[in-house]
């Protein structure tokens, strides 16, 4: 149970930490993109300032070739597309392969012939009147390549970050849960030791109460109090035994699994044990077990789990009802089912059915000697083997318990 909690803490920590890193990475990529674009716009602005010297606003003339011969140095100036347009947006003079045939919005981006371009548009005004436009376009290849490489680096580092957080989270979860494991271990040891210590005086008290009852009968003296004491002691002894078994079922060191255990033989033996008990209550107990059903398990614990399920079915099945016990083999797992046509279980009780000391009908469980630990023991045994137990039931339609055990 605590091992599962340790992994849950590890997974939650890893997912949260990785999610934070992904968000930070996306933010860093957006910031990187923004800064590169701002730098590109700054260069475009500087280039526009140079070009203004070669545009005569008073005569509405320009000389881009002269600018190219005298000032065109550097990668940006070499690949830039430049266009001069009149006030209506008609091209007057263009330079470079990336010059546009029309005016585009300032600081916008568009794709032309498969190439993404960044656009800078400036109004040309003379004495407060618009006389034309200056537009500069440059390919964003360098910026896009830098962003793609940055994004690729983030994607490559993500698995390493995830594994790093997983390892860190595992050790962090172990450090966090260590005090809980120690306290839980001490509690289990206490329950086991207390159970063993209580069994001896309970057995002695039970023996003497039975002897006292017999002596009173021999003297023709009847006393209901002695019978009450004997029944209470028997119930307490059963409770102590169940507590010890529950503690053992949740601690794997008490399990002694063997390979190729004949589960079909265990199920048949349990059915034989309950044959007379069911016959006395006029319940038809049928055993439908496939041959050669084998699994790796502790036979004694599995036998107790199946016994508890049949005991539960017997308790809540009315006279004249029936119980069907079956076992079958599937790829990598074995299924054992106990199905009855008894009183059934309300839907609101199903989520709590395997909790300790939970009773659907408390008065009836106490009357029949139930401790409220039977199904909790079943769940503990099954999960200690790496299996699962489930239930399907509705009031008046009976119940079906299914135990799934791995074969290896």
Protein backbone atom coordinates (compact mmCIF):
# COMPACT_ATOMS: atom_id res chain seq x y z
CA UNK A 1 0.00 0.00 0.00
CA UNK A 2 2.75 2.44 0.97
CA UNK A 3 4.80 1.39 -2.03
CA UNK A 4 1.87 2.37 -4.21
CA UNK A 5 1.64 5.71 -2.40
CA UNK A 6 5.34 6.25 -2.99
CA UNK A 7 4.93 5.79 -6.73
CA UNK A 8 1.83 7.99 -6.78
CA UNK A 9 3.77 10.81 -5.09
CA UNK A 10 6.63 10.27 -7.55
CA UNK A 11 4.35 10.38 -10.59
CA UNK A 12 2.45 13.46 -9.38
CA UNK A 13 5.71 15.29 -8.59
CA UNK A 14 7.21 14.33 -11.96
CA UNK A 15 4.14 15.37 -13.95
CA UNK A 16 3.79 18.68 -12.13
CA UNK A 17 7.50 19.52 -12.39
CA UNK A 18 7.58 18.53 -16.07
CA UNK A 19 4.45 20.59 -16.75
CA UNK A 20 6.10 23.63 -15.11
CA UNK A 21 9.22 23.09 -17.24
CA UNK A 22 7.10 22.81 -20.40
CA UNK A 23 5.29 26.06 -19.57
CA UNK A 24 8.60 27.79 -18.84
CA UNK A 25 10.06 26.39 -22.07
CA UNK A 26 7.11 27.69 -24.10
CA UNK A 27 7.47 31.06 -22.39
CA UNK A 28 11.21 31.11 -23.10
CA UNK A 29 10.59 30.24 -26.75
CA UNK A 30 8.01 33.02 -27.08
CA UNK A 31 10.40 35.49 -25.46
CA UNK A 32 13.26 34.35 -27.72
CA UNK A 33 11.03 34.77 -30.77
CA UNK A 34 9.93 38.22 -29.60
CA UNK A 35 13.48 39.41 -28.98
CA UNK A 36 14.73 38.16 -32.36
CA UNK A 37 11.82 39.84 -34.12
CA UNK A 38 12.48 43.10 -32.26
CA UNK A 39 16.14 42.92 -33.31
CA UNK A 40 15.04 42.35 -36.91
CA UNK A 41 12.72 45.37 -36.74
CA UNK A 42 15.55 47.51 -35.36
CA UNK A 43 17.75 46.58 -38.32
CA UNK A 44 14.92 47.28 -40.72
CA UNK A 45 14.45 50.71 -39.12
CA UNK A 46 18.14 51.46 -39.48
CA UNK A 47 18.00 50.38 -43.11
CA UNK A 48 15.00 52.65 -43.70
CA UNK A 49 17.00 55.55 -42.22
CA UNK A 50 19.81 54.96 -44.70
CA UNK A 51 17.40 54.82 -47.64
CA UNK A 52 15.78 58.13 -46.70
CA UNK A 53 18.97 59.91 -47.82
CA UNK A 54 18.43 58.63 -51.36
CA UNK A 55 14.78 59.64 -51.65
CA UNK A 56 14.12 63.28 -52.64
CA UNK A 57 10.70 64.14 -51.31
CA UNK A 58 10.54 67.55 -52.99
CA UNK A 59 10.94 66.11 -56.47
CA UNK A 60 9.48 62.71 -55.59
CA UNK A 61 12.52 60.93 -57.05
CA UNK A 62 14.90 58.26 -55.74
CA UNK A 63 18.08 56.43 -56.64
CA UNK A 64 18.09 52.94 -55.16
CA UNK A 65 20.93 51.77 -57.42
CA UNK A 66 23.20 54.47 -56.01
CA UNK A 67 22.29 53.35 -52.49
CA UNK A 68 23.12 49.80 -53.44
CA UNK A 69 26.51 50.72 -54.86
CA UNK A 70 27.55 52.91 -51.95
CA UNK A 71 25.89 51.52 -48.82
CA UNK A 72 24.69 47.97 -49.45
CA UNK A 73 26.93 46.01 -47.14
CA UNK A 74 26.02 43.15 -44.80
CA UNK A 75 23.69 40.18 -45.14
CA UNK A 76 20.48 42.11 -44.39
CA UNK A 77 21.13 44.78 -47.02
CA UNK A 78 22.04 42.13 -49.57
CA UNK A 79 18.81 40.13 -49.31
CA UNK A 80 16.43 43.01 -48.55
CA UNK A 81 13.64 43.78 -50.98
CA UNK A 82 12.87 47.51 -51.31
CA UNK A 83 9.95 49.16 -52.95
CA UNK A 84 8.91 52.77 -53.53
CA UNK A 85 5.22 53.38 -54.15
CA UNK A 86 3.15 56.42 -54.98
CA UNK A 87 0.34 57.64 -52.75
CA UNK A 88 -2.09 55.17 -54.35
CA UNK A 89 0.22 52.22 -53.65
CA UNK A 90 1.41 51.72 -57.25
CA UNK A 91 5.07 50.58 -57.47
CA UNK A 92 7.40 53.32 -58.69
CA UNK A 93 10.75 51.64 -58.20
CA UNK A 94 11.73 48.28 -56.68
CA UNK A 95 14.96 46.61 -55.75
CA UNK A 96 15.73 42.98 -54.81
CA UNK A 97 13.95 39.67 -55.26
CA UNK A 98 11.62 40.12 -52.28
CA UNK A 99 10.09 43.48 -53.17
CA UNK A 100 6.28 43.35 -53.01
CA UNK A 101 3.87 44.52 -55.68
CA UNK A 102 1.57 46.14 -53.12
CA UNK A 103 1.64 47.83 -49.73
CA UNK A 104 1.50 45.48 -46.70
CA UNK A 105 0.80 46.47 -43.06
CA UNK A 106 3.79 47.69 -41.07
CA UNK A 107 5.63 45.03 -39.00
CA UNK A 108 3.57 42.25 -40.54
CA UNK A 109 4.66 38.91 -41.94
CA UNK A 110 3.54 37.13 -45.08
CA UNK A 111 4.61 34.25 -47.27
CA UNK A 112 5.67 34.83 -50.86
CA UNK A 113 6.82 31.99 -53.08
CA UNK A 114 7.22 29.74 -50.02
CA UNK A 115 9.39 32.28 -48.19
CA UNK A 116 8.26 34.04 -45.01
CA UNK A 117 8.97 37.78 -45.12
CA UNK A 118 9.02 40.50 -42.47
CA UNK A 119 7.65 43.84 -43.69
CA UNK A 120 8.44 47.40 -42.64
CA UNK A 121 6.26 50.10 -44.23
CA UNK A 122 6.91 53.84 -43.92
CA UNK A 123 4.81 56.77 -45.18
CA UNK A 124 6.61 59.37 -47.31
CA UNK A 125 5.22 62.83 -46.59
CA UNK A 126 6.16 66.24 -47.94
CA UNK A 127 4.77 69.35 -46.28
CA UNK A 128 2.17 67.26 -44.44
CA UNK A 129 0.88 65.48 -47.54
CA UNK A 130 1.27 61.79 -48.37
CA UNK A 131 3.31 61.47 -51.55
CA UNK A 132 4.23 57.77 -51.36
CA UNK A 133 5.44 54.77 -49.46
CA UNK A 134 8.76 53.14 -48.67
CA UNK A 135 8.54 49.41 -47.96
CA UNK A 136 11.34 47.05 -46.97
CA UNK A 137 10.94 43.27 -46.85
CA UNK A 138 13.50 40.75 -45.61
CA UNK A 139 13.28 36.94 -45.31
CA UNK A 140 13.03 35.64 -41.76
CA UNK A 141 15.12 32.56 -42.52
CA UNK A 142 17.82 33.23 -39.91
CA UNK A 143 15.31 34.08 -37.19
CA UNK A 144 13.13 31.04 -37.96
CA UNK A 145 16.18 28.74 -38.04
CA UNK A 146 17.30 30.00 -34.62
CA UNK A 147 13.80 29.52 -33.17
CA UNK A 148 13.51 26.01 -34.66
CA UNK A 149 16.89 25.03 -33.24
CA UNK A 150 15.87 26.39 -29.85
CA UNK A 151 12.57 24.46 -30.01
CA UNK A 152 14.38 21.30 -31.12
CA UNK A 153 16.76 21.63 -28.18
CA UNK A 154 13.79 21.95 -25.80
CA UNK A 155 12.15 18.84 -27.26
CA UNK A 156 15.38 16.85 -27.01
CA UNK A 157 15.91 17.87 -23.39
CA UNK A 158 12.32 17.02 -22.35
CA UNK A 159 12.89 13.23 -21.94
CA UNK A 160 16.05 13.86 -19.93
CA UNK A 161 14.21 16.37 -17.75
CA UNK A 162 11.34 13.91 -17.25
CA UNK A 163 13.69 11.07 -16.25
CA UNK A 164 15.61 13.41 -13.96
CA UNK A 165 12.43 14.51 -12.22
CA UNK A 166 11.28 10.88 -11.99
CA UNK A 167 14.47 9.83 -10.22
CA UNK A 168 14.44 12.91 -8.00
CA UNK A 169 10.74 12.43 -7.22
CA UNK A 170 11.27 8.79 -6.31
CA UNK A 171 13.96 9.61 -3.76
CA UNK A 172 11.98 12.62 -2.54
CA UNK A 173 8.86 10.46 -2.09
CA UNK A 174 10.92 7.84 -0.26
CA UNK A 175 12.35 10.46 2.08
CA UNK A 176 8.86 11.92 2.65
CA UNK A 177 7.07 8.64 3.25
CA UNK A 178 9.81 7.02 5.35
CA UNK A 179 8.38 8.15 8.73
CA UNK A 180 4.93 6.92 7.66
CA UNK A 181 6.38 3.54 6.64
CA UNK A 182 8.09 3.20 10.00
CA UNK A 183 4.92 4.10 11.91
CA UNK A 184 2.85 1.76 9.74
CA UNK A 185 5.35 -1.04 10.27
CA UNK A 186 5.27 -0.54 14.03
CA UNK A 187 1.45 -0.57 13.94
CA UNK A 188 1.38 -3.83 11.98
CA UNK A 189 3.88 -5.43 14.32
CA UNK A 190 1.81 -4.26 17.28
CA UNK A 191 -1.37 -5.75 15.83
CA UNK A 192 0.34 -9.02 15.05
CA UNK A 193 2.00 -9.27 18.49
CA UNK A 194 -1.15 -8.15 20.31
CA UNK A 195 -3.20 -10.67 18.38
CA UNK A 196 -0.89 -13.52 19.29
CA UNK A 197 -0.76 -12.43 22.92
CA UNK A 198 -4.55 -12.18 23.15
CA UNK A 199 -5.18 -15.57 21.59
CA UNK A 200 -3.73 -17.46 24.56
CA UNK A 201 -5.87 -15.94 27.36
CA UNK A 202 -8.92 -16.04 25.09
CA UNK A 203 -8.38 -19.73 24.42
CA UNK A 204 -8.00 -20.41 28.15
CA UNK A 205 -11.13 -18.40 28.97
CA UNK A 206 -13.07 -20.19 26.22
CA UNK A 207 -11.96 -23.59 27.49
CA UNK A 208 -12.88 -22.84 31.10
CA UNK A 209 -16.23 -21.34 30.14
CA UNK A 210 -17.10 -24.51 28.23
CA UNK A 211 -15.97 -26.65 31.19
CA UNK A 212 -18.02 -24.53 33.58
CA UNK A 213 -21.06 -24.83 31.35
CA UNK A 214 -20.66 -28.61 31.26
CA UNK A 215 -20.30 -28.80 35.06
CA UNK A 216 -23.49 -26.81 35.51
CA UNK A 217 -25.30 -29.10 33.09
CA UNK A 218 -24.03 -32.15 35.00
CA UNK A 219 -25.52 -30.64 38.16
CA UNK A 220 -28.77 -29.91 36.32
CA UNK A 221 -28.14 -26.16 36.69
CA UNK A 222 -28.78 -23.95 33.68
CA UNK A 223 -27.39 -20.47 33.28
CA UNK A 224 -27.79 -18.33 30.18
CA UNK A 225 -24.98 -16.06 31.40
CA UNK A 226 -22.37 -18.76 30.92
CA UNK A 227 -23.58 -19.28 27.35
CA UNK A 228 -23.40 -15.54 26.69
CA UNK A 229 -19.84 -15.46 28.01
CA UNK A 230 -18.87 -18.43 25.83
CA UNK A 231 -20.40 -16.91 22.69
CA UNK A 232 -18.75 -13.53 23.36
CA UNK A 233 -15.38 -15.16 23.92
CA UNK A 234 -15.76 -17.12 20.69
CA UNK A 235 -16.63 -13.95 18.80
CA UNK A 236 -13.66 -12.12 20.33
CA UNK A 237 -11.36 -14.99 19.43
CA UNK A 238 -12.61 -14.88 15.83
CA UNK A 239 -12.04 -11.12 15.74
CA UNK A 240 -8.48 -11.46 17.01
CA UNK A 241 -7.76 -14.18 14.44
CA UNK A 242 -9.16 -11.98 11.67
CA UNK A 243 -7.05 -9.01 12.81
CA UNK A 244 -3.91 -11.14 12.76
CA UNK A 245 -4.78 -12.52 9.34
CA UNK A 246 -5.55 -9.04 8.00
CA UNK A 247 -2.19 -7.78 9.23
CA UNK A 248 -0.42 -10.73 7.62
CA UNK A 249 -2.31 -10.36 4.34
CA UNK A 250 -1.07 -6.77 3.97
CA UNK A 251 2.55 -7.71 4.66
CA UNK A 252 4.16 -9.60 1.77
CA UNK A 253 6.77 -11.20 4.03
CA UNK A 254 4.04 -13.50 5.38
CA UNK A 255 3.25 -14.80 1.90
CA UNK A 256 4.94 -17.94 0.65
CA UNK A 257 3.92 -18.12 -3.00
CA UNK A 258 4.66 -21.24 -5.00
CA UNK A 259 4.76 -21.78 -8.72
CA UNK A 260 1.97 -23.73 -10.44
CA UNK A 261 -0.34 -23.94 -7.44
CA UNK A 262 -3.45 -25.95 -8.35
CA UNK A 263 -6.09 -23.29 -7.79
CA UNK A 264 -8.82 -25.62 -9.06
CA UNK A 265 -8.02 -28.08 -6.25
CA UNK A 266 -8.12 -25.27 -3.66
CA UNK A 267 -11.54 -24.11 -4.87
CA UNK A 268 -12.93 -27.66 -4.85
CA UNK A 269 -11.59 -28.23 -1.32
CA UNK A 270 -13.25 -25.03 -0.05
CA UNK A 271 -16.53 -26.04 -1.69
CA UNK A 272 -16.32 -29.41 0.06
CA UNK A 273 -15.73 -27.65 3.40
CA UNK A 274 -18.95 -25.65 2.99
CA UNK A 275 -21.04 -28.48 1.57
CA UNK A 276 -22.64 -29.53 4.86
CA UNK A 277 -23.06 -25.95 6.07
CA UNK A 278 -24.95 -24.99 2.91
CA UNK A 279 -26.99 -28.20 3.01
CA UNK A 280 -28.10 -27.40 6.56
CA UNK A 281 -29.42 -24.02 5.34
CA UNK A 282 -30.99 -25.63 2.25
CA UNK A 283 -28.66 -23.74 -0.08
CA UNK A 284 -27.54 -25.38 -3.31
CA UNK A 285 -23.75 -25.01 -3.59
CA UNK A 286 -22.43 -25.78 -7.07
CA UNK A 287 -18.80 -25.95 -8.09
CA UNK A 288 -17.98 -25.22 -11.74
CA UNK A 289 -14.19 -25.37 -11.91
CA UNK A 290 -12.12 -25.87 -15.04
CA UNK A 291 -9.28 -28.40 -14.85
CA UNK A 292 -5.63 -27.43 -14.57
CA UNK A 293 -6.19 -23.90 -13.28
CA UNK A 294 -2.79 -22.92 -11.97
CA UNK A 295 -1.24 -19.71 -10.59
CA UNK A 296 1.70 -18.51 -8.55
CA UNK A 297 0.26 -17.89 -5.10
CA UNK A 298 0.22 -18.84 -1.43
CA UNK A 299 -2.30 -21.69 -1.26
CA UNK A 300 -3.27 -21.13 2.38
CA UNK A 301 -4.01 -17.44 1.90
CA UNK A 302 -5.91 -18.03 -1.34
CA UNK A 303 -7.93 -20.74 0.38
CA UNK A 304 -8.84 -18.29 3.16
CA UNK A 305 -9.87 -15.63 0.63
CA UNK A 306 -12.19 -18.05 -1.19
CA UNK A 307 -13.58 -19.29 2.14
CA UNK A 308 -14.40 -15.73 3.19
CA UNK A 309 -16.25 -15.11 -0.06
CA UNK A 310 -18.33 -18.28 0.29
CA UNK A 311 -18.97 -17.49 3.96
CA UNK A 312 -20.23 -14.06 2.91
CA UNK A 313 -22.45 -15.57 0.20
CA UNK A 314 -23.82 -18.19 2.62
CA UNK A 315 -24.62 -15.53 5.23
CA UNK A 316 -26.67 -13.36 2.85
CA UNK A 317 -28.42 -16.09 0.84
CA UNK A 318 -31.84 -17.16 2.02
CA UNK A 319 -32.81 -20.84 2.38
CA UNK A 320 -33.64 -22.31 -1.01
CA UNK A 321 -31.10 -20.12 -2.77
CA UNK A 322 -27.97 -21.17 -4.59
CA UNK A 323 -24.27 -20.33 -4.68
CA UNK A 324 -22.07 -20.97 -7.73
CA UNK A 325 -18.32 -21.23 -7.26
CA UNK A 326 -16.19 -21.22 -10.42
CA UNK A 327 -12.56 -20.94 -11.48
CA UNK A 328 -11.12 -20.59 -14.96
CA UNK A 329 -7.80 -19.85 -16.59
CA UNK A 330 -7.06 -16.96 -18.98
CA UNK A 331 -3.86 -15.67 -20.59
CA UNK A 332 -1.62 -14.42 -17.76
CA UNK A 333 -4.39 -14.58 -15.16
CA UNK A 334 -6.79 -16.80 -13.24
CA UNK A 335 -10.34 -15.82 -12.32
CA UNK A 336 -12.30 -17.14 -9.34
CA UNK A 337 -15.94 -16.14 -8.98
CA UNK A 338 -18.46 -16.62 -6.19
CA UNK A 339 -22.00 -15.84 -7.29
CA UNK A 340 -25.21 -16.07 -5.28
CA UNK A 341 -28.86 -15.10 -5.65
CA UNK A 342 -29.13 -13.65 -2.15
CA UNK A 343 -30.41 -10.33 -0.89
CA UNK A 344 -27.84 -8.28 -2.84
CA UNK A 345 -26.01 -5.11 -1.89
CA UNK A 346 -27.24 -1.50 -2.24
CA UNK A 347 -25.36 0.63 -4.77
CA UNK A 348 -24.29 3.17 -2.12
CA UNK A 349 -22.58 0.40 -0.12
CA UNK A 350 -20.47 -1.02 -2.97
CA UNK A 351 -17.61 1.55 -2.76
CA UNK A 352 -17.18 0.80 0.97
CA UNK A 353 -17.67 -2.96 0.86
CA UNK A 354 -13.99 -3.88 1.27
CA UNK A 355 -13.31 -1.40 4.07
CA UNK A 356 -12.43 -2.70 7.53
CA UNK A 357 -15.33 -3.18 9.93
CA UNK A 358 -17.83 -2.01 7.32
CA UNK A 359 -21.20 -3.72 7.51
CA UNK A 360 -24.07 -3.30 5.09
CA UNK A 361 -26.47 -4.52 7.78
CA UNK A 362 -24.69 -4.13 11.10
CA UNK A 363 -27.23 -5.91 13.28
CA UNK A 364 -27.41 -8.93 11.03
CA UNK A 365 -23.63 -9.19 10.73
CA UNK A 366 -23.23 -9.21 14.48
CA UNK A 367 -26.01 -11.72 14.85
CA UNK A 368 -24.29 -14.11 12.45
CA UNK A 369 -20.91 -13.58 14.08
CA UNK A 370 -19.41 -11.40 11.36
CA UNK A 371 -16.48 -9.22 12.36
CA UNK A 372 -16.66 -6.83 9.41
CA UNK A 373 -13.15 -7.90 8.35
CA UNK A 374 -13.91 -10.80 6.00
CA UNK A 375 -13.97 -8.87 2.73
CA UNK A 376 -11.11 -6.59 3.86
CA UNK A 377 -9.04 -9.75 4.37
CA UNK A 378 -10.00 -10.93 0.87
CA UNK A 379 -8.88 -7.64 -0.65
CA UNK A 380 -5.62 -7.67 1.34
CA UNK A 381 -4.78 -11.22 0.26
CA UNK A 382 -5.63 -10.64 -3.39
CA UNK A 383 -3.74 -7.35 -3.67
CA UNK A 384 -0.73 -8.85 -1.87
CA UNK A 385 -0.61 -11.35 -4.76
CA UNK A 386 -0.77 -8.53 -7.31
CA UNK A 387 -4.40 -9.30 -8.19
CA UNK A 388 -7.76 -7.54 -8.01
CA UNK A 389 -11.14 -8.25 -6.48
CA UNK A 390 -14.39 -6.74 -7.74
CA UNK A 391 -18.12 -7.08 -7.02
CA UNK A 392 -21.30 -6.76 -9.04
CA UNK A 393 -24.55 -6.60 -7.11
CA UNK A 394 -27.95 -5.01 -6.76
CA UNK A 395 -30.64 -5.42 -4.09
CA UNK A 396 -32.75 -8.54 -4.63
CA UNK A 397 -30.57 -9.84 -7.50
CA UNK A 398 -27.69 -11.42 -5.60
CA UNK A 399 -23.99 -10.68 -5.78
CA UNK A 400 -21.03 -11.78 -7.85
CA UNK A 401 -17.49 -11.47 -6.50
CA UNK A 402 -14.59 -11.90 -8.93
CA UNK A 403 -10.99 -12.51 -7.88
CA UNK A 404 -8.27 -12.08 -10.52
CA UNK A 405 -4.81 -13.51 -9.81
CA UNK A 406 -1.74 -13.28 -12.05
CA UNK A 407 -0.33 -16.60 -13.22
CA UNK A 408 3.30 -15.59 -12.89
